[in-house]
N, C-alpha and C. Protein backbone atom coordinates (compact mmCIF):
# COMPACT_ATOMS: atom_id res chain seq x y z
N GLN A 1 109.71 172.63 57.48
CA GLN A 1 108.71 173.63 57.22
C GLN A 1 107.47 172.98 56.60
N VAL A 2 106.38 173.74 56.61
CA VAL A 2 105.13 173.23 56.08
C VAL A 2 105.18 173.21 54.56
N GLN A 3 104.74 172.09 54.00
CA GLN A 3 104.62 171.97 52.55
C GLN A 3 103.29 171.34 52.19
N LEU A 4 102.65 171.92 51.18
CA LEU A 4 101.47 171.33 50.56
C LEU A 4 101.81 171.14 49.10
N VAL A 5 101.74 169.90 48.63
CA VAL A 5 102.15 169.60 47.27
C VAL A 5 100.98 168.98 46.52
N GLU A 6 100.48 169.71 45.53
CA GLU A 6 99.38 169.22 44.70
C GLU A 6 99.92 168.39 43.54
N SER A 7 99.10 167.44 43.12
CA SER A 7 99.45 166.62 41.95
C SER A 7 98.15 166.13 41.32
N GLY A 8 98.28 165.58 40.12
CA GLY A 8 97.12 164.98 39.46
C GLY A 8 96.49 165.85 38.38
N GLY A 9 96.99 167.05 38.21
CA GLY A 9 96.46 167.90 37.16
C GLY A 9 96.90 167.42 35.79
N GLY A 10 96.35 168.05 34.78
CA GLY A 10 96.71 167.68 33.42
C GLY A 10 95.63 168.08 32.45
N LEU A 11 95.66 167.42 31.30
CA LEU A 11 94.70 167.69 30.24
C LEU A 11 93.60 166.64 30.27
N ALA A 12 92.35 167.08 30.24
CA ALA A 12 91.22 166.17 30.18
C ALA A 12 90.25 166.66 29.12
N GLN A 13 89.51 165.74 28.55
CA GLN A 13 88.48 166.10 27.58
C GLN A 13 87.20 166.49 28.31
N PRO A 14 86.38 167.30 27.70
CA PRO A 14 85.07 167.59 28.30
C PRO A 14 84.32 166.30 28.59
N GLY A 15 83.74 166.24 29.79
CA GLY A 15 83.08 165.01 30.22
C GLY A 15 83.99 164.03 30.91
N GLY A 16 85.27 164.29 30.89
CA GLY A 16 86.23 163.38 31.51
C GLY A 16 86.40 163.63 32.99
N SER A 17 87.38 162.93 33.57
CA SER A 17 87.62 162.99 35.01
C SER A 17 89.10 163.17 35.29
N LEU A 18 89.36 163.79 36.42
CA LEU A 18 90.70 163.88 36.99
C LEU A 18 90.58 163.79 38.51
N ARG A 19 91.62 163.32 39.14
CA ARG A 19 91.67 163.27 40.61
C ARG A 19 92.90 164.01 41.08
N LEU A 20 92.68 165.09 41.78
CA LEU A 20 93.77 165.87 42.35
C LEU A 20 94.10 165.37 43.75
N SER A 21 95.37 165.43 44.09
CA SER A 21 95.83 165.08 45.43
C SER A 21 96.64 166.23 45.99
N CYS A 22 96.60 166.37 47.29
CA CYS A 22 97.41 167.37 47.98
C CYS A 22 98.03 166.68 49.19
N ALA A 23 99.33 166.55 49.17
CA ALA A 23 100.05 165.89 50.27
C ALA A 23 100.66 166.96 51.17
N ALA A 24 100.36 166.85 52.47
CA ALA A 24 100.83 167.84 53.43
C ALA A 24 101.95 167.26 54.29
N SER A 25 102.89 168.11 54.64
CA SER A 25 103.96 167.72 55.56
C SER A 25 104.33 168.92 56.42
N GLY A 26 104.92 168.63 57.58
CA GLY A 26 105.37 169.70 58.46
C GLY A 26 104.30 170.30 59.33
N LEU A 27 103.11 169.68 59.35
CA LEU A 27 102.04 170.17 60.20
C LEU A 27 101.23 168.98 60.72
N THR A 28 100.43 169.23 61.75
CA THR A 28 99.53 168.19 62.27
C THR A 28 98.27 168.25 61.43
N PHE A 29 98.25 167.43 60.40
CA PHE A 29 97.24 167.53 59.35
C PHE A 29 95.83 167.45 59.90
N SER A 30 95.62 166.59 60.88
CA SER A 30 94.26 166.37 61.39
C SER A 30 93.70 167.58 62.14
N ASN A 31 94.49 168.60 62.38
CA ASN A 31 94.00 169.83 63.01
C ASN A 31 93.47 170.84 62.01
N TYR A 32 93.74 170.59 60.74
CA TYR A 32 93.49 171.59 59.71
C TYR A 32 92.27 171.27 58.86
N ALA A 33 91.38 172.26 58.72
CA ALA A 33 90.37 172.18 57.68
C ALA A 33 91.08 172.38 56.35
N MET A 34 90.61 171.69 55.33
CA MET A 34 91.27 171.74 54.03
C MET A 34 90.30 172.22 52.96
N SER A 35 90.84 172.91 51.99
CA SER A 35 90.02 173.42 50.90
C SER A 35 90.78 173.32 49.59
N TRP A 36 90.01 173.28 48.53
CA TRP A 36 90.55 173.43 47.17
C TRP A 36 90.02 174.74 46.60
N TYR A 37 90.92 175.49 45.99
CA TYR A 37 90.59 176.72 45.29
C TYR A 37 91.05 176.57 43.84
N ARG A 38 90.57 177.46 43.00
CA ARG A 38 91.08 177.49 41.62
C ARG A 38 91.12 178.93 41.12
N GLN A 39 92.01 179.13 40.18
CA GLN A 39 92.15 180.45 39.57
C GLN A 39 92.35 180.29 38.08
N ALA A 40 91.40 180.82 37.33
CA ALA A 40 91.49 180.81 35.87
C ALA A 40 92.17 182.09 35.41
N PRO A 41 92.74 182.08 34.20
CA PRO A 41 93.42 183.27 33.70
C PRO A 41 92.49 184.48 33.70
N GLY A 42 92.98 185.59 34.27
CA GLY A 42 92.22 186.81 34.29
C GLY A 42 91.09 186.86 35.30
N LYS A 43 91.00 185.83 36.13
CA LYS A 43 89.92 185.79 37.12
C LYS A 43 90.50 185.69 38.53
N GLU A 44 89.67 186.01 39.51
CA GLU A 44 90.08 185.90 40.90
C GLU A 44 90.07 184.43 41.34
N ARG A 45 90.87 184.16 42.35
CA ARG A 45 90.88 182.82 42.92
C ARG A 45 89.52 182.58 43.61
N GLU A 46 88.97 181.39 43.40
CA GLU A 46 87.67 181.08 43.97
C GLU A 46 87.70 179.76 44.72
N LEU A 47 86.87 179.69 45.75
CA LEU A 47 86.75 178.47 46.54
C LEU A 47 85.97 177.42 45.75
N VAL A 48 86.50 176.22 45.69
CA VAL A 48 85.85 175.12 44.99
C VAL A 48 85.16 174.17 45.97
N ALA A 49 85.90 173.75 47.00
CA ALA A 49 85.35 172.79 47.95
C ALA A 49 86.13 172.86 49.26
N SER A 50 85.43 172.54 50.36
CA SER A 50 86.05 172.52 51.67
C SER A 50 85.64 171.28 52.41
N ILE A 51 86.51 170.84 53.34
CA ILE A 51 86.21 169.67 54.15
C ILE A 51 86.71 169.93 55.56
N SER A 52 85.92 169.51 56.55
CA SER A 52 86.28 169.73 57.94
C SER A 52 87.38 168.76 58.37
N VAL A 53 87.86 168.91 59.59
CA VAL A 53 89.01 168.14 60.05
C VAL A 53 88.73 166.64 60.07
N THR A 54 87.49 166.26 60.36
CA THR A 54 87.16 164.84 60.39
C THR A 54 86.55 164.35 59.09
N GLY A 55 86.26 165.27 58.20
CA GLY A 55 85.60 164.90 56.95
C GLY A 55 84.09 164.86 57.05
N GLY A 56 83.56 165.19 58.22
CA GLY A 56 82.12 165.10 58.41
C GLY A 56 81.33 166.22 57.77
N TYR A 57 82.00 167.29 57.46
CA TYR A 57 81.33 168.42 56.80
C TYR A 57 82.07 168.74 55.52
N ARG A 58 81.31 168.86 54.43
CA ARG A 58 81.88 169.21 53.13
C ARG A 58 80.99 170.26 52.50
N ASP A 59 81.62 171.15 51.77
CA ASP A 59 80.88 172.21 51.10
C ASP A 59 81.48 172.43 49.73
N TYR A 60 80.61 172.84 48.78
CA TYR A 60 81.04 172.98 47.40
C TYR A 60 80.52 174.28 46.79
N ALA A 61 81.27 174.80 45.86
CA ALA A 61 80.76 175.89 45.04
C ALA A 61 79.61 175.36 44.20
N ASP A 62 78.64 176.23 43.94
CA ASP A 62 77.49 175.79 43.15
C ASP A 62 77.91 175.25 41.78
N SER A 63 78.96 175.82 41.22
CA SER A 63 79.38 175.45 39.88
C SER A 63 79.93 174.02 39.79
N VAL A 64 80.28 173.42 40.92
CA VAL A 64 80.86 172.06 40.89
C VAL A 64 80.02 171.03 41.64
N LYS A 65 78.94 171.46 42.28
CA LYS A 65 78.11 170.53 43.04
C LYS A 65 77.60 169.42 42.14
N GLY A 66 77.70 168.20 42.64
CA GLY A 66 77.26 167.04 41.88
C GLY A 66 78.29 166.51 40.91
N ARG A 67 79.38 167.23 40.72
CA ARG A 67 80.43 166.78 39.80
C ARG A 67 81.75 166.53 40.52
N PHE A 68 82.05 167.32 41.53
CA PHE A 68 83.31 167.21 42.27
C PHE A 68 83.05 166.66 43.65
N THR A 69 84.02 165.90 44.16
CA THR A 69 83.95 165.36 45.52
C THR A 69 85.27 165.58 46.23
N ILE A 70 85.21 166.22 47.39
CA ILE A 70 86.40 166.41 48.20
C ILE A 70 86.44 165.33 49.27
N SER A 71 87.63 164.82 49.55
CA SER A 71 87.80 163.82 50.60
C SER A 71 89.18 164.00 51.22
N ARG A 72 89.39 163.35 52.35
CA ARG A 72 90.69 163.45 53.01
C ARG A 72 91.02 162.12 53.69
N ASP A 73 92.31 161.90 53.86
CA ASP A 73 92.81 160.73 54.57
C ASP A 73 93.81 161.24 55.58
N ASN A 74 93.40 161.36 56.82
CA ASN A 74 94.29 161.93 57.83
C ASN A 74 95.49 161.03 58.12
N ALA A 75 95.35 159.75 57.88
CA ALA A 75 96.48 158.83 58.08
C ALA A 75 97.56 159.05 57.03
N LYS A 76 97.16 159.57 55.88
CA LYS A 76 98.12 159.82 54.80
C LYS A 76 98.43 161.30 54.64
N ASN A 77 97.89 162.14 55.54
CA ASN A 77 98.12 163.59 55.46
C ASN A 77 97.78 164.14 54.07
N SER A 78 96.66 163.70 53.55
CA SER A 78 96.32 164.07 52.18
C SER A 78 94.85 164.45 52.03
N VAL A 79 94.62 165.34 51.09
CA VAL A 79 93.26 165.70 50.70
C VAL A 79 93.15 165.51 49.19
N TYR A 80 91.96 165.17 48.74
CA TYR A 80 91.75 164.82 47.34
C TYR A 80 90.57 165.61 46.76
N LEU A 81 90.59 165.75 45.45
CA LEU A 81 89.45 166.33 44.75
C LEU A 81 89.18 165.48 43.52
N GLN A 82 88.10 164.72 43.58
CA GLN A 82 87.67 163.92 42.43
C GLN A 82 86.80 164.81 41.56
N MET A 83 87.21 164.98 40.33
CA MET A 83 86.50 165.87 39.41
C MET A 83 85.95 165.05 38.25
N ASN A 84 84.65 164.99 38.15
CA ASN A 84 83.97 164.26 37.08
C ASN A 84 83.20 165.21 36.20
N SER A 85 82.79 164.73 35.05
CA SER A 85 82.00 165.54 34.11
C SER A 85 82.63 166.91 33.89
N LEU A 86 83.91 166.90 33.63
CA LEU A 86 84.65 168.15 33.51
C LEU A 86 84.15 168.98 32.34
N LYS A 87 84.22 170.29 32.54
CA LYS A 87 83.80 171.25 31.53
C LYS A 87 84.97 172.18 31.20
N PRO A 88 84.96 172.77 30.02
CA PRO A 88 86.05 173.71 29.69
C PRO A 88 86.19 174.82 30.72
N GLU A 89 85.10 175.23 31.32
CA GLU A 89 85.17 176.30 32.32
C GLU A 89 85.80 175.86 33.64
N ASP A 90 86.10 174.58 33.77
CA ASP A 90 86.85 174.11 34.94
C ASP A 90 88.35 174.32 34.77
N THR A 91 88.77 174.75 33.59
CA THR A 91 90.18 175.00 33.34
C THR A 91 90.71 176.09 34.28
N ALA A 92 91.75 175.76 35.02
CA ALA A 92 92.31 176.69 36.01
C ALA A 92 93.51 176.04 36.67
N VAL A 93 94.23 176.84 37.44
CA VAL A 93 95.21 176.28 38.37
C VAL A 93 94.48 176.00 39.68
N TYR A 94 94.65 174.79 40.18
CA TYR A 94 93.96 174.36 41.40
C TYR A 94 94.96 174.34 42.55
N TYR A 95 94.53 174.92 43.66
CA TYR A 95 95.38 175.05 44.85
C TYR A 95 94.71 174.38 46.05
N CYS A 96 95.50 173.76 46.90
CA CYS A 96 94.94 173.34 48.18
C CYS A 96 95.38 174.31 49.27
N ARG A 97 94.56 174.39 50.29
CA ARG A 97 94.77 175.33 51.39
C ARG A 97 94.49 174.63 52.71
N ALA A 98 95.36 174.83 53.67
CA ALA A 98 95.19 174.30 55.02
C ALA A 98 94.92 175.46 55.97
N ARG A 99 93.85 175.34 56.76
CA ARG A 99 93.47 176.44 57.65
C ARG A 99 93.27 175.94 59.06
N TRP A 100 93.96 176.60 60.00
CA TRP A 100 93.71 176.39 61.44
C TRP A 100 94.20 177.64 62.13
N ARG A 101 95.18 177.58 62.90
CA ARG A 101 95.72 178.79 63.51
C ARG A 101 96.52 179.59 62.48
N ARG A 102 97.04 178.89 61.51
CA ARG A 102 97.73 179.54 60.40
C ARG A 102 97.15 179.03 59.10
N ASP A 103 97.60 179.67 58.07
CA ASP A 103 97.03 179.46 56.74
C ASP A 103 98.17 179.09 55.80
N PHE A 104 98.03 177.93 55.12
CA PHE A 104 99.08 177.50 54.21
C PHE A 104 98.47 177.16 52.85
N TRP A 105 99.25 177.41 51.80
CA TRP A 105 98.81 177.14 50.43
C TRP A 105 99.86 176.29 49.71
N GLY A 106 99.35 175.48 48.78
CA GLY A 106 100.24 174.77 47.89
C GLY A 106 100.62 175.64 46.70
N GLN A 107 101.43 175.08 45.81
CA GLN A 107 101.94 175.84 44.67
C GLN A 107 101.00 175.76 43.47
N GLY A 108 100.05 174.85 43.51
CA GLY A 108 99.06 174.75 42.44
C GLY A 108 99.39 173.68 41.41
N THR A 109 98.33 173.18 40.77
CA THR A 109 98.48 172.23 39.67
C THR A 109 97.50 172.64 38.57
N GLN A 110 97.98 172.60 37.34
CA GLN A 110 97.17 173.07 36.21
C GLN A 110 96.20 171.99 35.76
N VAL A 111 94.96 172.39 35.59
CA VAL A 111 93.93 171.53 35.00
C VAL A 111 93.42 172.22 33.74
N THR A 112 93.50 171.51 32.62
CA THR A 112 93.01 172.03 31.35
C THR A 112 91.98 171.08 30.79
N VAL A 113 90.81 171.61 30.50
CA VAL A 113 89.73 170.79 29.94
C VAL A 113 89.47 171.29 28.52
N SER A 114 89.80 170.45 27.57
CA SER A 114 89.71 170.85 26.17
C SER A 114 89.64 169.61 25.29
N SER A 115 88.94 169.76 24.17
CA SER A 115 88.90 168.67 23.20
C SER A 115 89.99 168.87 22.14
């Protein structure tokens, strides 16, 4: 079956960095556009960043532009989110999503930004 497994979350200080990874299995990864979403307590899930199947197109939420970078490695069936200059408002559970003919989500990884 299809699995998306996020990792790399944790506690970071304001101004710090984290790199999230999402490893996919059970699907033809190179057919899927990939995205990262996040959901903070009491808030709706929001799109953070998206990347096309080849990586040639990337899009970001205004709140993370210039700080976060999405990338993918189709040979490793993985998508990444490099998060720099972290802010307390980046605290959330981060999810990866695979989209093509069907839609798959990972279980999420917690990111906490606090001093």
